[in-house]
Every structure is written in structure tokens, then in C-alpha cells.
C-alpha atoms as a PDB file:
ATOM      1  CA  MET A   1      31.243 296.656 149.721  1.00  0.00           C
ATOM      2  CA  LEU A   2      28.796 295.023 152.169  1.00  0.00           C
ATOM      3  CA  ASN A   3      26.949 296.552 155.485  1.00  0.00           C
ATOM      4  CA  ASN A   4      23.900 294.594 156.358  1.00  0.00           C
ATOM      5  CA  VAL A   5      22.816 293.685 159.772  1.00  0.00           C
ATOM      6  CA  VAL A   6      20.022 291.325 160.933  1.00  0.00           C
ATOM      7  CA  LEU A   7      18.999 291.390 164.694  1.00  0.00           C
ATOM      8  CA  MET A   8      16.348 289.687 166.669  1.00  0.00           C
ATOM      9  CA  GLY A   9      16.153 290.914 170.429  1.00  0.00           C
ATOM     10  CA  ARG A  10      13.801 292.410 173.045  1.00  0.00           C
ATOM     11  CA  LEU A  11      13.089 296.391 173.064  1.00  0.00           C
ATOM     12  CA  THR A  12      14.539 297.626 176.552  1.00  0.00           C
ATOM     13  CA  ALA A  13      12.197 300.389 176.712  1.00  0.00           C
ATOM     14  CA  ASP A  14       8.999 301.900 174.656  1.00  0.00           C
ATOM     15  CA  PRO A  15      10.062 303.704 171.442  1.00  0.00           C
ATOM     16  CA  GLU A  16       9.450 307.309 171.654  1.00  0.00           C
ATOM     17  CA  LEU A  17       9.184 309.418 168.439  1.00  0.00           C
ATOM     18  CA  ARG A  18      10.834 312.565 167.956  1.00  0.00           C
ATOM     19  CA  HIS A  19      11.238 315.138 165.127  1.00  0.00           C
ATOM     20  CA  THR A  20      14.204 316.741 163.888  1.00  0.00           C
ATOM     21  CA  GLU A  21      14.093 320.501 164.763  1.00  0.00           C
ATOM     22  CA  SER A  22      15.210 321.647 161.422  1.00  0.00           C
ATOM     23  CA  SER A  23      12.911 319.588 158.911  1.00  0.00           C
ATOM     24  CA  GLY A  24      10.326 317.868 161.095  1.00  0.00           C
ATOM     25  CA  ILE A  25      11.545 314.271 160.116  1.00  0.00           C
ATOM     26  CA  PRO A  26      10.249 311.386 161.929  1.00  0.00           C
ATOM     27  CA  VAL A  27      12.923 309.737 164.220  1.00  0.00           C
ATOM     28  CA  THR A  28      13.102 307.098 167.035  1.00  0.00           C
ATOM     29  CA  SER A  29      15.891 305.484 168.689  1.00  0.00           C
ATOM     30  CA  PHE A  30      15.672 302.508 170.738  1.00  0.00           C
ATOM     31  CA  THR A  31      17.911 299.655 172.279  1.00  0.00           C
ATOM     32  CA  LEU A  32      17.419 295.859 171.653  1.00  0.00           C
ATOM     33  CA  ALA A  33      18.904 293.349 174.364  1.00  0.00           C
ATOM     34  CA  VAL A  34      19.856 290.609 171.993  1.00  0.00           C
ATOM     35  CA  GLY A  35      21.271 287.579 173.341  1.00  0.00           C
ATOM     36  CA  ARG A  36      24.457 285.844 172.147  1.00  0.00           C
ATOM     37  CA  SER A  37      24.218 282.452 170.292  1.00  0.00           C
ATOM     38  CA  TYR A  38      27.082 280.747 172.142  1.00  0.00           C
ATOM     39  CA  THR A  39      28.053 280.339 175.876  1.00  0.00           C
ATOM     40  CA  LYS A  40      31.274 279.583 177.553  1.00  0.00           C
ATOM     41  CA  ALA A  41      31.019 276.603 179.487  1.00  0.00           C
ATOM     42  CA  GLY A  42      30.022 277.072 183.012  1.00  0.00           C
ATOM     43  CA  THR A  43      28.637 280.648 182.249  1.00  0.00           C
ATOM     44  CA  GLU A  44      25.533 282.271 181.588  1.00  0.00           C
ATOM     45  CA  ARG A  45      24.883 283.446 177.898  1.00  0.00           C
ATOM     46  CA  ALA A  46      25.764 287.090 177.460  1.00  0.00           C
ATOM     47  CA  THR A  47      23.547 289.652 176.330  1.00  0.00           C
ATOM     48  CA  ASP A  48      24.678 292.517 174.097  1.00  0.00           C
ATOM     49  CA  PHE A  49      22.654 295.914 174.191  1.00  0.00           C
ATOM     50  CA  ILE A  50      22.536 297.521 170.480  1.00  0.00           C
ATOM     51  CA  ASP A  51      21.639 300.838 169.645  1.00  0.00           C
ATOM     52  CA  ILE A  52      19.097 301.358 166.758  1.00  0.00           C
ATOM     53  CA  VAL A  53      17.632 304.422 165.199  1.00  0.00           C
ATOM     54  CA  ALA A  54      14.732 304.530 162.901  1.00  0.00           C
ATOM     55  CA  TRP A  55      13.693 307.341 160.498  1.00  0.00           C
ATOM     56  CA  ARG A  56      10.437 308.410 158.787  1.00  0.00           C
ATOM     57  CA  ASN A  57       7.984 305.927 157.969  1.00  0.00           C
ATOM     58  CA  THR A  58       9.869 303.027 160.118  1.00  0.00           C
ATOM     59  CA  ALA A  59      10.011 305.464 162.925  1.00  0.00           C
ATOM     60  CA  GLU A  60       6.460 306.117 163.199  1.00  0.00           C
ATOM     61  CA  PHE A  61       5.664 302.384 162.657  1.00  0.00           C
ATOM     62  CA  VAL A  62       8.037 301.293 165.352  1.00  0.00           C
ATOM     63  CA  SER A  63       6.873 303.913 167.955  1.00  0.00           C
ATOM     64  CA  LYS A  64       3.237 303.314 167.320  1.00  0.00           C
ATOM     65  CA  TYR A  65       3.186 299.130 167.335  1.00  0.00           C
ATOM     66  CA  PHE A  66       6.148 298.248 169.618  1.00  0.00           C
ATOM     67  CA  ASN A  67       6.415 298.209 173.563  1.00  0.00           C
ATOM     68  CA  LYS A  68       9.166 297.188 175.959  1.00  0.00           C
ATOM     69  CA  GLY A  69       9.991 293.762 176.074  1.00  0.00           C
ATOM     70  CA  GLN A  70       8.501 292.656 172.687  1.00  0.00           C
ATOM     71  CA  LEU A  71      10.668 290.539 170.493  1.00  0.00           C
ATOM     72  CA  VAL A  72      11.508 292.230 167.096  1.00  0.00           C
ATOM     73  CA  ALA A  73      13.593 291.473 164.248  1.00  0.00           C
ATOM     74  CA  VAL A  74      15.557 294.663 162.810  1.00  0.00           C
ATOM     75  CA  GLU A  75      17.160 294.618 159.377  1.00  0.00           C
ATOM     76  CA  GLY A  76      19.612 297.391 158.675  1.00  0.00           C
ATOM     77  CA  SER A  77      23.102 298.658 158.588  1.00  0.00           C
ATOM     78  CA  ILE A  78      26.068 299.911 161.078  1.00  0.00           C
ATOM     79  CA  GLN A  79      26.550 303.467 161.002  1.00  0.00           C
ATOM     80  CA  THR A  80      29.355 305.068 163.026  1.00  0.00           C
ATOM     81  CA  ARG A  81      29.790 308.810 164.090  1.00  0.00           C
ATOM     82  CA  SER A  82      31.937 311.148 165.979  1.00  0.00           C
ATOM     83  CA  TYR A  83      31.053 313.596 168.637  1.00  0.00           C
ATOM     84  CA  GLN A  84      32.640 315.176 171.720  1.00  0.00           C
ATOM     85  CA  ASP A  85      31.031 314.837 174.755  1.00  0.00           C
ATOM     86  CA  LYS A  86      30.163 317.283 177.521  1.00  0.00           C
ATOM     87  CA  ASN A  87      33.871 317.228 178.792  1.00  0.00           C
ATOM     88  CA  GLY A  88      35.310 317.856 175.509  1.00  0.00           C
ATOM     89  CA  ASN A  89      36.477 314.301 174.928  1.00  0.00           C
ATOM     90  CA  ASN A  90      36.144 312.816 171.426  1.00  0.00           C
ATOM     91  CA  ARG A  91      33.854 309.845 171.307  1.00  0.00           C
ATOM     92  CA  ARG A  92      32.581 307.452 168.644  1.00  0.00           C
ATOM     93  CA  ALA A  93      28.998 306.052 168.507  1.00  0.00           C
ATOM     94  CA  PHE A  94      28.067 302.854 166.959  1.00  0.00           C
ATOM     95  CA  GLU A  95      24.394 302.309 165.866  1.00  0.00           C
ATOM     96  CA  VAL A  96      22.255 300.201 163.466  1.00  0.00           C
ATOM     97  CA  VAL A  97      20.008 302.269 161.306  1.00  0.00           C
ATOM     98  CA  ALA A  98      16.793 300.378 160.605  1.00  0.00           C
ATOM     99  CA  ASN A  99      15.458 299.762 157.185  1.00  0.00           C
ATOM    100  CA  ASN A 100      12.822 297.288 158.290  1.00  0.00           C
ATOM    101  CA  VAL A 101      11.321 296.620 161.730  1.00  0.00           C
ATOM    102  CA  HIS A 102       9.290 293.471 162.039  1.00  0.00           C
ATOM    103  CA  PHE A 103       7.211 291.278 164.575  1.00  0.00           C
ATOM    104  CA  ALA A 104       9.165 288.524 165.967  1.00  0.00           C
ATOM    105  CA  GLU A 105       6.745 286.657 167.836  1.00  0.00           C
ATOM    106  CA  SER A 106       2.765 286.167 167.401  1.00  0.00           C
ATOM    107  CA  LYS A 107       0.325 288.288 169.039  1.00  0.00           C
ATOM    108  CA  ARG A 108      -0.808 285.906 171.364  1.00  0.00           C
ATOM    109  CA  ASP A 109       2.690 285.587 172.674  1.00  0.00           C
ATOM    110  CA  SER A 110       3.441 288.927 173.502  1.00  0.00           C
ATOM    111  CA  SER A 111      -0.224 289.716 174.750  1.00  0.00           C
ATOM    112  CA  SER A 112      -1.017 286.953 177.153  1.00  0.00           C
ATOM    113  CA  PRO A 113       1.599 286.046 180.056  1.00  0.00           C
ATOM    114  CA  SER A 114       0.581 282.551 179.952  1.00  0.00           C
ATOM    115  CA  GLY A 115       0.724 282.228 176.370  1.00  0.00           C
ATOM    116  CA  GLU A 116      -2.698 280.449 176.228  1.00  0.00           C
ATOM    117  CA  GLU A 117      -5.839 281.903 174.339  1.00  0.00           C
ATOM    118  CA  ASN A 118      -8.468 280.062 172.424  1.00  0.00           C
ATOM    119  CA  VAL A 119      -6.809 279.119 169.050  1.00  0.00           C
ATOM    120  CA  PRO A 120      -8.848 278.087 166.221  1.00  0.00           C
ATOM    121  CA  GLU A 121      -7.782 274.303 165.357  1.00  0.00           C
ATOM    122  CA  GLU A 122      -6.331 275.153 161.963  1.00  0.00           C
ATOM    123  CA  ASP A 123      -4.081 277.873 163.648  1.00  0.00           C
ATOM    124  CA  THR A 124      -2.296 275.139 166.065  1.00  0.00           C
ATOM    125  CA  TYR A 125       1.127 273.657 165.260  1.00  0.00           C
ATOM    126  CA  GLN A 126       1.014 270.245 163.316  1.00  0.00           C
ATOM    127  CA  PRO A 127       4.207 268.333 163.716  1.00  0.00           C
ATOM    128  CA  PRO A 128       5.405 266.561 160.486  1.00  0.00           C
ATOM    129  CA  SER A 129       4.561 263.384 159.167  1.00  0.00           C
ATOM    130  CA  GLU A 130       6.539 260.342 160.225  1.00  0.00           C
ATOM    131  CA  ASN A 131       7.850 259.954 156.633  1.00  0.00           C
ATOM    132  CA  ALA A 132       9.226 263.437 156.555  1.00  0.00           C
ATOM    133  CA  SER A 133      12.695 264.049 156.239  1.00  0.00           C
ATOM    134  CA  SER A 134      14.119 266.041 158.982  1.00  0.00           C
ATOM    135  CA  PHE A 135      16.670 266.210 161.827  1.00  0.00           C
ATOM    136  CA  GLU A 136      13.665 264.835 164.034  1.00  0.00           C
ATOM    137  CA  ASN A 137      13.892 261.500 162.240  1.00  0.00           C
ATOM    138  CA  GLY A 138      17.673 261.367 163.445  1.00  0.00           C
ATOM    139  CA  SER A 139      19.243 259.694 166.250  1.00  0.00           C
ATOM    140  CA  ALA A 140      22.006 260.918 168.658  1.00  0.00           C
ATOM    141  CA  ASP A 141      24.645 258.799 167.115  1.00  0.00           C
ATOM    142  CA  ASP A 142      24.199 260.901 163.942  1.00  0.00           C
ATOM    143  CA  PHE A 143      26.439 263.715 165.286  1.00  0.00           C
ATOM    144  CA  LYS A 144      29.578 263.913 166.746  1.00  0.00           C
ATOM    145  CA  GLU A 145      30.137 265.749 169.759  1.00  0.00           C
ATOM    146  CA  ILE A 146      32.938 268.903 169.689  1.00  0.00           C
ATOM    147  CA  PRO A 147      34.999 269.100 172.591  1.00  0.00           C
ATOM    148  CA  ALA A 148      34.318 272.172 174.293  1.00  0.00           C
ATOM    149  CA  ASP A 149      37.359 274.652 175.014  1.00  0.00           C
ATOM    150  CA  ASP A 150      37.721 278.511 175.528  1.00  0.00           C
ATOM    151  CA  ASP A 151      38.718 279.420 171.795  1.00  0.00           C
ATOM    152  CA  LEU A 152      36.275 280.253 169.832  1.00  0.00           C
ATOM    153  CA  PRO A 153      36.100 279.030 165.879  1.00  0.00           C
ATOM    154  CA  PHE A 154      36.237 282.891 164.628  1.00  0.00           C
END
């Protein structure tokens, strides 16, 4: 069996650290806004809001270093649980239990609105040499257009 999830998105709120009542284990839950990788013709890209829960050291790390709006990468697994709401209706919750949470943007990008800071010359982007083999050396004739329709390939 395989249950592995990798997501990248922006935090919708500041994570807040809590502790379980019985054993005092650190826990935080937060929501990631994750843009879908495809769009239907003539529509805007949809965004999914995915609930994440982190425990112990991961929870402490997330609550200490991450803030609303930051781009983060989460690695974990999907968990489902059943519960009864206040009206007695049976409900199911789906969430990702985070094993690892990583910074997904540079500190420069997240701290400066303009994204411009004095960056040493060696930290700036260097384009590949002209002889490097990459997609940048291709032309539009190398690709075939796929007709757009409403059916997804999966």
C-alpha cells in the first residue's frame, strides 16, 4: 500500500501551536491553498484548500517559522476520520498528516514585497551556456499542439 502526498501552496492563516489535553503533545493544524495544475479553456485556475495537521517537532517548527501567505511544501499522508457534528450527523474529515514541511520560496521573496534586495553577485541566477542542452534550445516547431476539450486525460 502507498499513501504519500506532496503539496505546495500558500498558508491561509498563521499556524497556532496547541497541546493535547491528556499528554501535552504539540499539534498544529493549518490550511494550504493549492492551485490546480490545469485550467479549463476560458476559466480561471481553480484552487483547492487542503487541511494539514502536524504533530510534535514538526508542529513546533511550523508554528515558529511559518506565516500566513508563505509558500510551503508539505510531505505527508492522507488520513480520514469520522465524527458526529453538533446536530448528530455523521461526518468524515480528510486531512494530510505532515511528516515534513519545507520553505518553498527564498527568504528574500517572502520578506520583500518587491522581491528586490542587495544580493551578492554569486547568488544571482546564471543562465545556461549556449551549448547546454535544454528545452530553451528548442523551437516552437518541436512541439505539437494538443486540441483543448473538456475531457481530462485521467
